[in-house]
Amino acid sequence: MLTISKKRNITDLSGKTVLITGANRGIGRGLAEGFLESGADVIIVALEDDVAEVARELSDTYGRSVGHFACDIADLGQVKALRDKTERVDVLINNAGFEFVTPIAARSEQVDEAFRRIVEVNVIGTFSVTRHLLDRIPDGGRIVNTASMWGKTAVAEFSAYCASKHAVIGLTRSLAQELAPRKIPVNAVCPGWVRTVASMRSLSHMAARRKLSESDLLNEIMNAQAFGGLMEPPDMVDMYLFLAGPAADNITGQAFTVDRGELMQ
């Protein structure tokens, strides 16, 4: 009988430095753990001050130092400061993002503020981090951007988030061509429904809008997937490891959806 092992980290990234934005929780923290398991040296970046505490926890768990920076990637001055403190980045994971509802008919000025913030973080921030760390990335390095399944489709009242993730895919494709002479593959990962604080907040809003219970809406979403069940952050790790490793040497400008078969394109 053939036995298939679900063992991760067939990609050995020992000696590589991986910088991950938005890495203090959710998918980003799962990625930090996955890359540490692969042998990489990891630097985590996040807006919140708890990034130092998370780095200590990861250092204790994996037995080696994890670098950390508190940085608002929408603030160009802070991004430049991050660059000045960073020596080398073999793999840049642009994972930081902001997800919030922006109903166009709402009269609250908070919608306008949220729309700007989402675009500033998800699009401008991703561009700024890449731009200002570019001379820290050696030829042949890797860039992986976190987009979203909603970057290939859309849902009501999340116009800013959907637009921003469409933009991340467009940015990925453009940079893939621009950085091709340096042999730097640039790809995106488009997560589906993963259990994070942001996604569960969005689920709550969508359920209220449709006058459904959150459990009923979640069941509806799961039933729309080819494989049932809600993904957890560690379920995303293998795609990022693949794109960071030698098996993806000939892949660039692509946006890979990891959503258990909800969106088939």
Protein backbone atom coordinates (compact mmCIF):
# COMPACT_ATOMS: atom_id res chain seq x y z
CA MET A 1 0.00 0.00 0.00
CA LEU A 2 1.27 3.46 -0.91
CA THR A 3 1.46 5.75 2.12
CA ILE A 4 1.55 9.49 1.52
CA SER A 5 3.06 11.48 4.35
CA LYS A 6 1.78 14.97 5.04
CA LYS A 7 5.15 16.18 6.22
CA ARG A 8 5.92 19.79 5.50
CA ASN A 9 9.22 21.50 4.79
CA ILE A 10 10.63 19.40 1.98
CA THR A 11 12.06 22.82 1.05
CA ASP A 12 15.30 23.48 2.93
CA LEU A 13 15.86 27.21 3.26
CA SER A 14 18.79 27.03 5.66
CA GLY A 15 21.02 30.06 5.24
CA LYS A 16 18.25 32.16 3.70
CA THR A 17 16.83 35.27 5.33
CA VAL A 18 13.07 35.66 5.04
CA LEU A 19 11.30 38.91 5.93
CA ILE A 20 7.54 38.66 6.48
CA THR A 21 5.27 41.66 6.97
CA GLY A 22 2.07 41.33 8.99
CA ALA A 23 3.65 38.40 10.82
CA ASN A 24 2.45 38.85 14.39
CA ARG A 25 -0.79 36.93 13.90
CA GLY A 26 -2.97 35.03 11.45
CA ILE A 27 -1.48 33.85 8.18
CA GLY A 28 1.68 35.88 8.74
CA ARG A 29 2.51 34.17 12.02
CA GLY A 30 1.78 30.80 10.45
CA LEU A 31 4.26 31.68 7.70
CA ALA A 32 6.89 32.71 10.24
CA GLU A 33 6.57 29.32 11.92
CA GLY A 34 6.67 27.47 8.61
CA PHE A 35 9.79 29.25 7.39
CA LEU A 36 11.51 28.71 10.73
CA GLU A 37 10.73 25.01 10.41
CA SER A 38 12.33 25.10 6.96
CA GLY A 39 15.59 26.32 8.48
CA ALA A 40 15.38 29.95 7.34
CA ASP A 41 16.40 32.95 9.39
CA VAL A 42 13.20 34.95 9.87
CA ILE A 43 12.49 38.64 10.41
CA ILE A 44 8.92 39.53 11.33
CA VAL A 45 7.41 42.96 10.73
CA ALA A 46 4.08 44.25 12.00
CA LEU A 47 2.29 47.46 12.84
CA GLU A 48 1.48 46.44 16.41
CA ASP A 49 3.96 46.66 19.28
CA ASP A 50 3.38 43.00 20.18
CA VAL A 51 5.70 42.04 17.32
CA ALA A 52 8.58 41.99 19.83
CA GLU A 53 6.71 39.60 22.12
CA VAL A 54 5.80 37.35 19.18
CA ALA A 55 9.44 37.31 18.09
CA ARG A 56 10.49 36.23 21.59
CA GLU A 57 7.91 33.45 21.60
CA LEU A 58 9.10 32.19 18.21
CA SER A 59 12.74 32.43 19.29
CA ASP A 60 12.02 30.36 22.39
CA THR A 61 10.06 27.77 20.41
CA TYR A 62 12.57 27.31 17.59
CA GLY A 63 15.76 27.88 19.52
CA ARG A 64 17.20 30.70 17.45
CA SER A 65 16.85 34.44 17.24
CA VAL A 66 13.94 35.89 15.27
CA GLY A 67 14.38 39.47 14.13
CA HIS A 68 11.52 41.93 14.49
CA PHE A 69 10.51 45.47 13.55
CA ALA A 70 7.41 47.49 14.36
CA CYS A 71 6.54 49.30 11.15
CA ASP A 72 3.48 50.89 9.57
CA ILE A 73 4.15 50.00 5.95
CA ALA A 74 1.86 52.84 4.83
CA ASP A 75 4.31 55.31 6.41
CA LEU A 76 7.19 55.89 4.00
CA GLY A 77 9.48 57.17 6.73
CA GLN A 78 9.01 53.97 8.73
CA VAL A 79 9.60 51.85 5.63
CA LYS A 80 12.86 53.68 4.96
CA ALA A 81 13.87 53.10 8.59
CA LEU A 82 13.13 49.39 8.12
CA ARG A 83 15.40 49.38 5.09
CA ASP A 84 18.23 51.06 6.99
CA LYS A 85 18.06 48.35 9.67
CA THR A 86 17.93 45.43 7.22
CA GLU A 87 21.07 43.94 5.68
CA ARG A 88 19.81 41.16 3.40
CA VAL A 89 16.49 39.63 2.39
CA ASP A 90 16.56 36.47 0.28
CA VAL A 91 12.78 36.05 0.39
CA LEU A 92 10.40 38.97 0.86
CA ILE A 93 6.86 38.03 1.88
CA ASN A 94 4.52 41.02 1.54
CA ASN A 95 1.74 39.69 3.74
CA ALA A 96 0.59 42.74 5.71
CA GLY A 97 -2.92 43.82 4.83
CA PHE A 98 -6.01 45.56 6.13
CA GLU A 99 -9.50 44.09 5.58
CA PHE A 100 -12.59 46.08 6.48
CA VAL A 101 -16.07 46.74 5.17
CA THR A 102 -16.58 49.85 2.98
CA PRO A 103 -20.26 50.01 1.90
CA ILE A 104 -20.51 52.69 -0.76
CA ALA A 105 -23.96 53.90 0.32
CA ALA A 106 -23.01 54.42 3.96
CA ARG A 107 -22.90 58.09 4.98
CA SER A 108 -20.27 57.68 7.65
CA GLU A 109 -16.93 59.37 6.99
CA GLN A 110 -15.32 56.28 8.48
CA VAL A 111 -15.96 54.53 5.17
CA ASP A 112 -13.86 57.12 3.32
CA GLU A 113 -11.12 56.80 5.94
CA ALA A 114 -11.21 53.00 5.81
CA PHE A 115 -11.05 52.98 2.00
CA ARG A 116 -7.94 55.16 2.00
CA ARG A 117 -6.30 53.13 4.74
CA ILE A 118 -6.92 49.84 2.96
CA VAL A 119 -5.39 51.12 -0.27
CA GLU A 120 -2.48 52.75 1.57
CA VAL A 121 -1.59 49.53 3.40
CA ASN A 122 -2.46 46.83 0.88
CA VAL A 123 -1.25 48.52 -2.30
CA ILE A 124 1.03 51.45 -1.54
CA GLY A 125 2.56 49.70 1.46
CA THR A 126 3.30 46.55 -0.53
CA PHE A 127 4.91 48.64 -3.27
CA SER A 128 6.91 50.75 -0.80
CA VAL A 129 8.31 47.80 1.13
CA THR A 130 9.33 46.08 -2.11
CA ARG A 131 10.81 49.25 -3.58
CA HIS A 132 12.88 50.19 -0.56
CA LEU A 133 14.11 46.68 0.25
CA LEU A 134 14.93 45.89 -3.36
CA ASP A 135 18.63 46.60 -3.01
CA ARG A 136 18.66 44.22 -0.04
CA ILE A 137 17.37 41.38 -2.23
CA PRO A 138 20.12 39.58 -4.15
CA ASP A 139 19.73 38.52 -7.77
CA GLY A 140 17.76 35.29 -7.74
CA GLY A 141 15.88 36.24 -4.57
CA ARG A 142 12.14 35.80 -4.20
CA ILE A 143 9.14 38.05 -3.67
CA VAL A 144 5.76 36.60 -2.68
CA ASN A 145 2.74 38.86 -2.20
CA THR A 146 -0.38 37.92 -0.30
CA ALA A 147 -3.41 38.79 -2.42
CA SER A 148 -6.79 37.12 -1.89
CA MET A 149 -9.39 34.97 -3.57
CA TRP A 150 -11.34 38.24 -3.65
CA GLY A 151 -8.56 39.63 -5.84
CA LYS A 152 -10.01 37.43 -8.57
CA THR A 153 -13.68 37.96 -7.79
CA ALA A 154 -15.65 40.32 -5.52
CA VAL A 155 -18.26 40.57 -2.79
CA ALA A 156 -20.61 43.38 -1.87
CA GLU A 157 -19.52 46.07 0.59
CA PHE A 158 -15.83 45.14 0.48
CA SER A 159 -14.99 47.31 -2.53
CA ALA A 160 -11.76 48.72 -1.09
CA TYR A 161 -10.41 45.33 -0.05
CA CYS A 162 -11.38 43.65 -3.33
CA ALA A 163 -9.94 46.52 -5.37
CA SER A 164 -6.72 46.47 -3.36
CA LYS A 165 -6.21 42.75 -3.84
CA HIS A 166 -6.91 43.02 -7.57
CA ALA A 167 -4.20 45.70 -7.51
CA VAL A 168 -1.77 43.42 -5.66
CA ILE A 169 -2.14 40.84 -8.43
CA GLY A 170 -1.53 43.52 -11.06
CA LEU A 171 1.49 44.77 -9.13
CA THR A 172 2.80 41.22 -8.93
CA ARG A 173 2.57 40.73 -12.69
CA SER A 174 4.20 44.07 -13.49
CA LEU A 175 7.08 43.56 -11.06
CA ALA A 176 7.61 40.04 -12.36
CA GLN A 177 8.47 41.53 -15.74
CA GLU A 178 10.44 44.44 -14.31
CA LEU A 179 12.61 42.24 -12.10
CA ALA A 180 13.06 39.43 -14.61
CA PRO A 181 16.54 40.68 -15.66
CA ARG A 182 17.65 40.07 -12.06
CA LYS A 183 16.08 36.60 -12.05
CA ILE A 184 13.80 37.52 -9.14
CA PRO A 185 10.50 35.63 -9.40
CA VAL A 186 7.52 37.62 -8.15
CA ASN A 187 4.34 35.70 -7.40
CA ALA A 188 1.17 36.06 -5.36
CA VAL A 189 -0.83 33.72 -3.15
CA CYS A 190 -4.61 34.21 -3.00
CA PRO A 191 -6.00 32.68 0.19
CA GLY A 192 -9.61 31.64 0.45
CA TRP A 193 -11.38 31.45 3.79
CA VAL A 194 -8.81 31.06 6.56
CA ARG A 195 -9.68 31.35 10.24
CA THR A 196 -8.21 34.73 11.23
CA VAL A 197 -9.52 37.66 13.23
CA ALA A 198 -10.03 39.70 10.07
CA SER A 199 -11.83 36.98 8.12
CA MET A 200 -14.15 36.14 11.01
CA ARG A 201 -14.98 39.84 11.37
CA SER A 202 -15.85 39.94 7.68
CA LEU A 203 -17.93 36.80 8.05
CA SER A 204 -19.88 38.44 10.85
CA HIS A 205 -20.64 41.49 8.72
CA MET A 206 -21.68 39.41 5.72
CA ALA A 207 -23.97 37.27 7.88
CA ALA A 208 -25.66 40.35 9.38
CA ARG A 209 -26.15 41.87 5.94
CA ARG A 210 -27.91 38.74 4.70
CA LYS A 211 -29.77 38.19 7.98
CA LEU A 212 -28.12 34.81 8.52
CA SER A 213 -26.43 33.36 11.54
CA GLU A 214 -22.65 33.21 11.27
CA SER A 215 -22.75 29.41 11.47
CA ASP A 216 -25.27 29.20 8.62
CA LEU A 217 -23.18 31.46 6.40
CA LEU A 218 -20.03 29.54 7.26
CA ASN A 219 -21.77 26.29 6.30
CA GLU A 220 -22.82 27.88 3.02
CA ILE A 221 -19.23 28.89 2.31
CA MET A 222 -17.90 25.45 3.20
CA ASN A 223 -20.48 23.81 0.94
CA ALA A 224 -19.26 25.96 -1.95
CA GLN A 225 -15.79 24.46 -1.62
CA ALA A 226 -14.75 21.24 -3.32
CA PHE A 227 -13.00 20.28 -0.07
CA GLY A 228 -15.04 21.16 3.00
CA GLY A 229 -13.86 22.74 6.20
CA LEU A 230 -12.32 26.03 7.20
CA MET A 231 -8.60 26.44 6.64
CA GLU A 232 -6.26 27.46 9.43
CA PRO A 233 -3.13 29.64 8.95
CA PRO A 234 -0.72 26.66 8.79
CA ASP A 235 -2.67 25.38 5.75
CA MET A 236 -1.26 28.29 3.74
CA VAL A 237 2.40 27.65 4.48
CA ASP A 238 3.27 25.06 1.85
CA MET A 239 2.43 27.30 -1.13
CA TYR A 240 4.69 30.05 0.18
CA LEU A 241 7.48 27.56 0.86
CA PHE A 242 7.12 26.19 -2.66
CA LEU A 243 7.34 29.65 -4.20
CA ALA A 244 10.38 30.46 -2.05
CA GLY A 245 12.24 27.29 -3.01
CA PRO A 246 14.09 25.96 -6.07
CA ALA A 247 11.06 24.06 -7.38
CA ALA A 248 9.60 27.44 -8.38
CA ASP A 249 12.68 28.68 -10.26
CA ASN A 250 10.70 28.94 -13.51
CA ILE A 251 7.51 30.44 -12.09
CA THR A 252 6.88 34.19 -12.02
CA GLY A 253 3.99 36.60 -12.45
CA GLN A 254 1.45 34.07 -11.19
CA ALA A 255 -1.36 34.31 -8.64
CA PHE A 256 -2.09 30.97 -6.97
CA THR A 257 -5.46 30.51 -5.30
CA VAL A 258 -5.48 28.31 -2.19
CA ASP A 259 -9.15 28.01 -1.25
CA ARG A 260 -10.10 24.31 -1.22
CA GLY A 261 -11.71 24.65 -4.61
CA GLU A 262 -14.20 27.46 -3.99
CA LEU A 263 -13.05 29.55 -6.93
CA MET A 264 -11.93 27.53 -9.93
CA GLN A 265 -10.26 29.69 -12.57
